[in-house]
Amino acid sequence: MTGARKIVVVAAGLSDPSTSRLLADRLTESTLRQLREHGVEAEARTFELRDVAHDITNSMLTGFAPKPLAEMNDAVAAADALIVVTPVFSTSYSGLFKSWVDVLDRDAIVGTPVLLAANAGTARHSLAIDYAMRPLFTYLHAEPVSTAVFAASADWGDQADAVAPLQKRVDRGAGELADRVAGTSAKTVADPFSPDTYLAGGSSFADLLKDLPDRG
């Protein structure tokens, strides 16, 4: 999909399958569908932190990200938008989720639209998104959309709440993310090996050479 917007999804669930991944998949499907309604081509790539949990620990200990984690973080940095989902443990995001954020480059998601989501056994934990996740991503200078999506155990299956069904909340949050992506140009990431990246002011070698004194 040449020129398609890149949506990167990060799910921090620990089990396989996990409720975090189920919620992430719903948010992804709704976001892609609503982007198509805007006439915007998009592709999504989903990462599960459980697959790189050891790499995250090694990166924290050594300061160097193993290849799978580095590839994931590069995809995050190049994304036009993010969807992040974490289980809530002890009234906040999971330790694995925070550890990943700790090894992510501080400037990786500056200005990137983010749809925040979380899941837990009870709706009593729903405020964790606004008092824990949202300040974290604001600190990273990302741009979380207004609506966050929380899913409790009661939101799944036959016992789902008919008053505020999960899919309605999913569509609202995904719609805000789709609106943000559709209203901005595709993200470009500088090639670190391009001379324009590491030469002062983007000057070419020829520009630099012409300023050298003529030694005949």
Protein backbone atom coordinates (compact mmCIF):
# COMPACT_ATOMS: atom_id res chain seq x y z
CA MET A 1 0.00 0.00 0.00
CA THR A 2 2.23 2.73 -1.25
CA GLY A 3 1.47 6.02 0.39
CA ALA A 4 -0.93 4.46 2.91
CA ARG A 5 -1.08 5.93 6.40
CA LYS A 6 0.64 3.77 8.98
CA ILE A 7 -1.28 2.83 12.13
CA VAL A 8 0.78 1.04 14.77
CA VAL A 9 -1.00 -0.88 17.52
CA VAL A 10 0.69 -1.85 20.79
CA ALA A 11 -1.05 -4.37 23.07
CA ALA A 12 0.41 -5.04 26.51
CA GLY A 13 -1.61 -8.11 27.45
CA LEU A 14 0.29 -10.97 29.09
CA SER A 15 -1.81 -13.98 28.14
CA ASP A 16 -2.33 -15.49 24.69
CA PRO A 17 -4.96 -14.62 23.64
CA SER A 18 -5.45 -11.59 25.84
CA THR A 19 -8.34 -9.21 26.40
CA SER A 20 -5.95 -6.37 25.60
CA ARG A 21 -5.36 -7.86 22.15
CA LEU A 22 -9.09 -8.40 21.60
CA LEU A 23 -9.74 -4.74 22.43
CA ALA A 24 -6.80 -3.65 20.26
CA ASP A 25 -8.20 -5.61 17.30
CA ARG A 26 -11.62 -3.97 17.67
CA LEU A 27 -10.10 -0.50 17.82
CA THR A 28 -7.92 -1.24 14.79
CA GLU A 29 -10.80 -2.54 12.68
CA SER A 30 -12.96 0.46 13.51
CA THR A 31 -10.16 2.95 12.83
CA LEU A 32 -9.34 1.43 9.43
CA ARG A 33 -13.02 1.30 8.48
CA GLN A 34 -13.57 4.94 9.37
CA LEU A 35 -10.42 6.00 7.54
CA ARG A 36 -11.76 4.27 4.43
CA GLU A 37 -14.95 6.29 4.85
CA HIS A 38 -12.74 9.39 4.76
CA GLY A 39 -11.19 8.10 1.53
CA VAL A 40 -7.84 7.56 3.27
CA GLU A 41 -5.75 4.45 2.61
CA ALA A 42 -4.24 3.00 5.76
CA GLU A 43 -2.49 -0.12 6.96
CA ALA A 44 -2.13 -1.35 10.53
CA ARG A 45 0.62 -3.31 12.21
CA THR A 46 0.07 -4.81 15.66
CA PHE A 47 2.77 -5.58 18.21
CA GLU A 48 2.32 -7.50 21.45
CA LEU A 49 4.71 -6.51 24.21
CA ARG A 50 4.75 -10.05 25.60
CA ASP A 51 6.71 -11.04 22.48
CA VAL A 52 9.52 -8.58 23.29
CA ALA A 53 9.33 -8.67 27.09
CA HIS A 54 12.85 -10.10 27.47
CA ASP A 55 14.19 -7.62 24.92
CA ILE A 56 12.69 -4.75 26.92
CA THR A 57 14.47 -5.98 30.06
CA ASN A 58 17.76 -6.41 28.19
CA SER A 59 17.43 -2.92 26.73
CA MET A 60 16.89 -1.45 30.20
CA LEU A 61 19.98 -3.26 31.51
CA THR A 62 22.34 -2.65 28.59
CA GLY A 63 21.02 0.50 26.94
CA PHE A 64 20.80 -1.30 23.58
CA ALA A 65 17.58 -2.61 22.05
CA PRO A 66 17.73 -6.12 20.52
CA LYS A 67 16.62 -6.26 16.89
CA PRO A 68 12.93 -7.23 17.42
CA LEU A 69 12.43 -4.40 19.92
CA ALA A 70 14.38 -1.95 17.78
CA GLU A 71 12.21 -2.78 14.76
CA MET A 72 9.07 -2.29 16.82
CA ASN A 73 10.23 1.05 18.19
CA ASP A 74 11.22 2.20 14.70
CA ALA A 75 7.72 1.35 13.47
CA VAL A 76 6.23 3.31 16.37
CA ALA A 77 8.40 6.34 15.55
CA ALA A 78 7.35 6.20 11.87
CA ALA A 79 3.64 5.76 12.58
CA ASP A 80 1.02 8.31 11.56
CA ALA A 81 -1.04 7.25 14.59
CA LEU A 82 -0.87 4.87 17.53
CA ILE A 83 -3.36 2.68 19.33
CA VAL A 84 -2.10 1.54 22.74
CA VAL A 85 -3.87 -0.90 25.03
CA THR A 86 -2.76 -2.01 28.50
CA PRO A 87 -4.30 -4.12 31.23
CA VAL A 88 -4.74 -2.28 34.51
CA PHE A 89 -2.75 -3.70 37.41
CA SER A 90 -2.76 -2.10 40.87
CA THR A 91 -4.83 0.85 39.57
CA SER A 92 -2.40 1.77 36.77
CA TYR A 93 -0.87 0.58 33.50
CA SER A 94 1.10 -2.65 33.65
CA GLY A 95 4.78 -2.76 34.53
CA LEU A 96 5.58 -4.22 31.12
CA PHE A 97 3.83 -1.32 29.40
CA LYS A 98 5.73 1.27 31.45
CA SER A 99 9.04 -0.55 30.89
CA TRP A 100 8.47 -0.36 27.13
CA VAL A 101 7.77 3.37 27.37
CA ASP A 102 10.99 3.74 29.38
CA VAL A 103 13.10 2.29 26.54
CA LEU A 104 11.28 4.22 23.80
CA ASP A 105 13.17 7.22 22.44
CA ARG A 106 11.92 10.37 24.15
CA ASP A 107 11.18 12.10 20.83
CA ALA A 108 9.71 9.07 19.06
CA ILE A 109 6.04 10.04 19.29
CA VAL A 110 6.14 13.82 19.52
CA GLY A 111 2.99 15.12 17.83
CA THR A 112 1.66 11.63 17.07
CA PRO A 113 -2.10 11.11 17.55
CA VAL A 114 -2.77 8.33 20.07
CA LEU A 115 -5.90 6.39 20.97
CA LEU A 116 -5.59 5.27 24.59
CA ALA A 117 -7.32 2.11 25.81
CA ALA A 118 -7.22 -0.18 28.82
CA ASN A 119 -8.96 -3.21 30.23
CA ALA A 120 -9.54 -4.68 33.68
CA GLY A 121 -11.88 -6.95 35.56
CA THR A 122 -14.07 -4.14 36.85
CA ALA A 123 -15.16 -0.71 35.67
CA ARG A 124 -13.83 0.74 38.94
CA HIS A 125 -10.43 0.93 37.21
CA SER A 126 -11.66 2.98 34.25
CA LEU A 127 -10.18 6.24 35.56
CA ALA A 128 -6.68 4.77 35.27
CA ILE A 129 -6.61 5.96 31.66
CA ASP A 130 -7.05 9.60 32.60
CA TYR A 131 -4.92 9.76 35.74
CA ALA A 132 -2.11 7.46 34.58
CA MET A 133 -2.00 6.87 30.81
CA ARG A 134 -2.99 10.31 29.54
CA PRO A 135 -0.40 12.22 31.63
CA LEU A 136 2.28 9.74 30.49
CA PHE A 137 1.62 10.35 26.80
CA THR A 138 1.22 14.08 27.33
CA TYR A 139 4.67 14.06 28.93
CA LEU A 140 5.99 12.39 25.77
CA HIS A 141 4.40 15.23 23.74
CA ALA A 142 2.11 12.83 21.90
CA GLU A 143 -1.45 13.95 21.15
CA PRO A 144 -4.01 11.61 22.75
CA VAL A 145 -7.52 11.96 21.31
CA SER A 146 -10.26 13.07 23.69
CA THR A 147 -12.09 9.76 23.94
CA ALA A 148 -10.30 6.84 25.59
CA VAL A 149 -11.75 3.34 25.61
CA PHE A 150 -11.97 1.18 28.73
CA ALA A 151 -13.29 -2.37 28.72
CA ALA A 152 -14.26 -4.32 31.83
CA SER A 153 -15.07 -8.02 31.95
CA ALA A 154 -18.77 -7.16 31.84
CA ASP A 155 -18.29 -5.54 28.41
CA TRP A 156 -17.66 -8.89 26.74
CA GLY A 157 -20.07 -11.64 25.84
CA ASP A 158 -23.72 -11.99 26.74
CA GLN A 159 -23.39 -9.86 29.88
CA ALA A 160 -22.30 -6.73 27.97
CA ASP A 161 -23.81 -3.46 29.19
CA ALA A 162 -26.62 -2.48 26.81
CA VAL A 163 -26.65 1.11 28.11
CA ALA A 164 -23.14 1.98 26.92
CA PRO A 165 -22.05 -0.92 24.69
CA LEU A 166 -18.35 -1.40 24.14
CA GLN A 167 -18.60 -1.17 20.35
CA LYS A 168 -20.19 2.26 20.60
CA ARG A 169 -17.26 3.50 22.69
CA VAL A 170 -14.79 1.81 20.35
CA ASP A 171 -16.31 3.52 17.31
CA ARG A 172 -16.27 6.92 19.00
CA GLY A 173 -12.60 6.73 20.02
CA ALA A 174 -11.57 5.23 16.68
CA GLY A 175 -13.56 7.92 14.88
CA GLU A 176 -11.65 10.67 16.65
CA LEU A 177 -8.35 9.03 15.72
CA ALA A 178 -9.46 8.59 12.10
CA ASP A 179 -10.53 12.25 11.94
CA ARG A 180 -7.12 13.33 13.22
CA VAL A 181 -5.22 11.14 10.75
CA ALA A 182 -7.41 12.19 7.82
CA GLY A 183 -6.85 15.85 8.63
CA THR A 184 -3.05 15.70 8.63
CA SER A 185 -0.41 14.82 6.06
CA ALA A 186 1.46 11.53 6.19
CA LYS A 187 4.33 11.43 8.66
CA THR A 188 7.87 11.48 7.29
CA VAL A 189 10.88 10.22 9.20
CA ALA A 190 14.37 11.44 8.31
CA ASP A 191 16.82 8.84 7.03
CA PRO A 192 19.71 8.86 9.54
CA PHE A 193 22.12 7.86 6.76
CA SER A 194 21.10 10.67 4.42
CA PRO A 195 23.60 13.58 4.14
CA ASP A 196 20.65 15.94 4.62
CA THR A 197 20.23 14.52 8.11
CA TYR A 198 23.75 14.92 9.44
CA LEU A 199 25.17 17.83 7.40
CA ALA A 200 24.60 21.28 8.89
CA GLY A 201 21.53 22.95 7.44
CA GLY A 202 21.03 20.08 5.01
CA SER A 203 23.96 21.30 2.89
CA SER A 204 25.36 19.03 0.24
CA PHE A 205 29.02 18.06 0.08
CA ALA A 206 29.39 20.38 -2.90
CA ASP A 207 28.01 23.28 -0.86
CA LEU A 208 30.50 22.60 1.91
CA LEU A 209 33.45 22.24 -0.47
CA LYS A 210 32.81 25.54 -2.22
CA ASP A 211 33.43 27.35 1.08
CA LEU A 212 36.94 25.90 1.40
CA PRO A 213 39.81 28.23 0.45
CA ASP A 214 41.28 27.71 -3.01
CA ARG A 215 44.77 26.28 -2.59
CA GLY A 216 45.56 26.35 -6.31
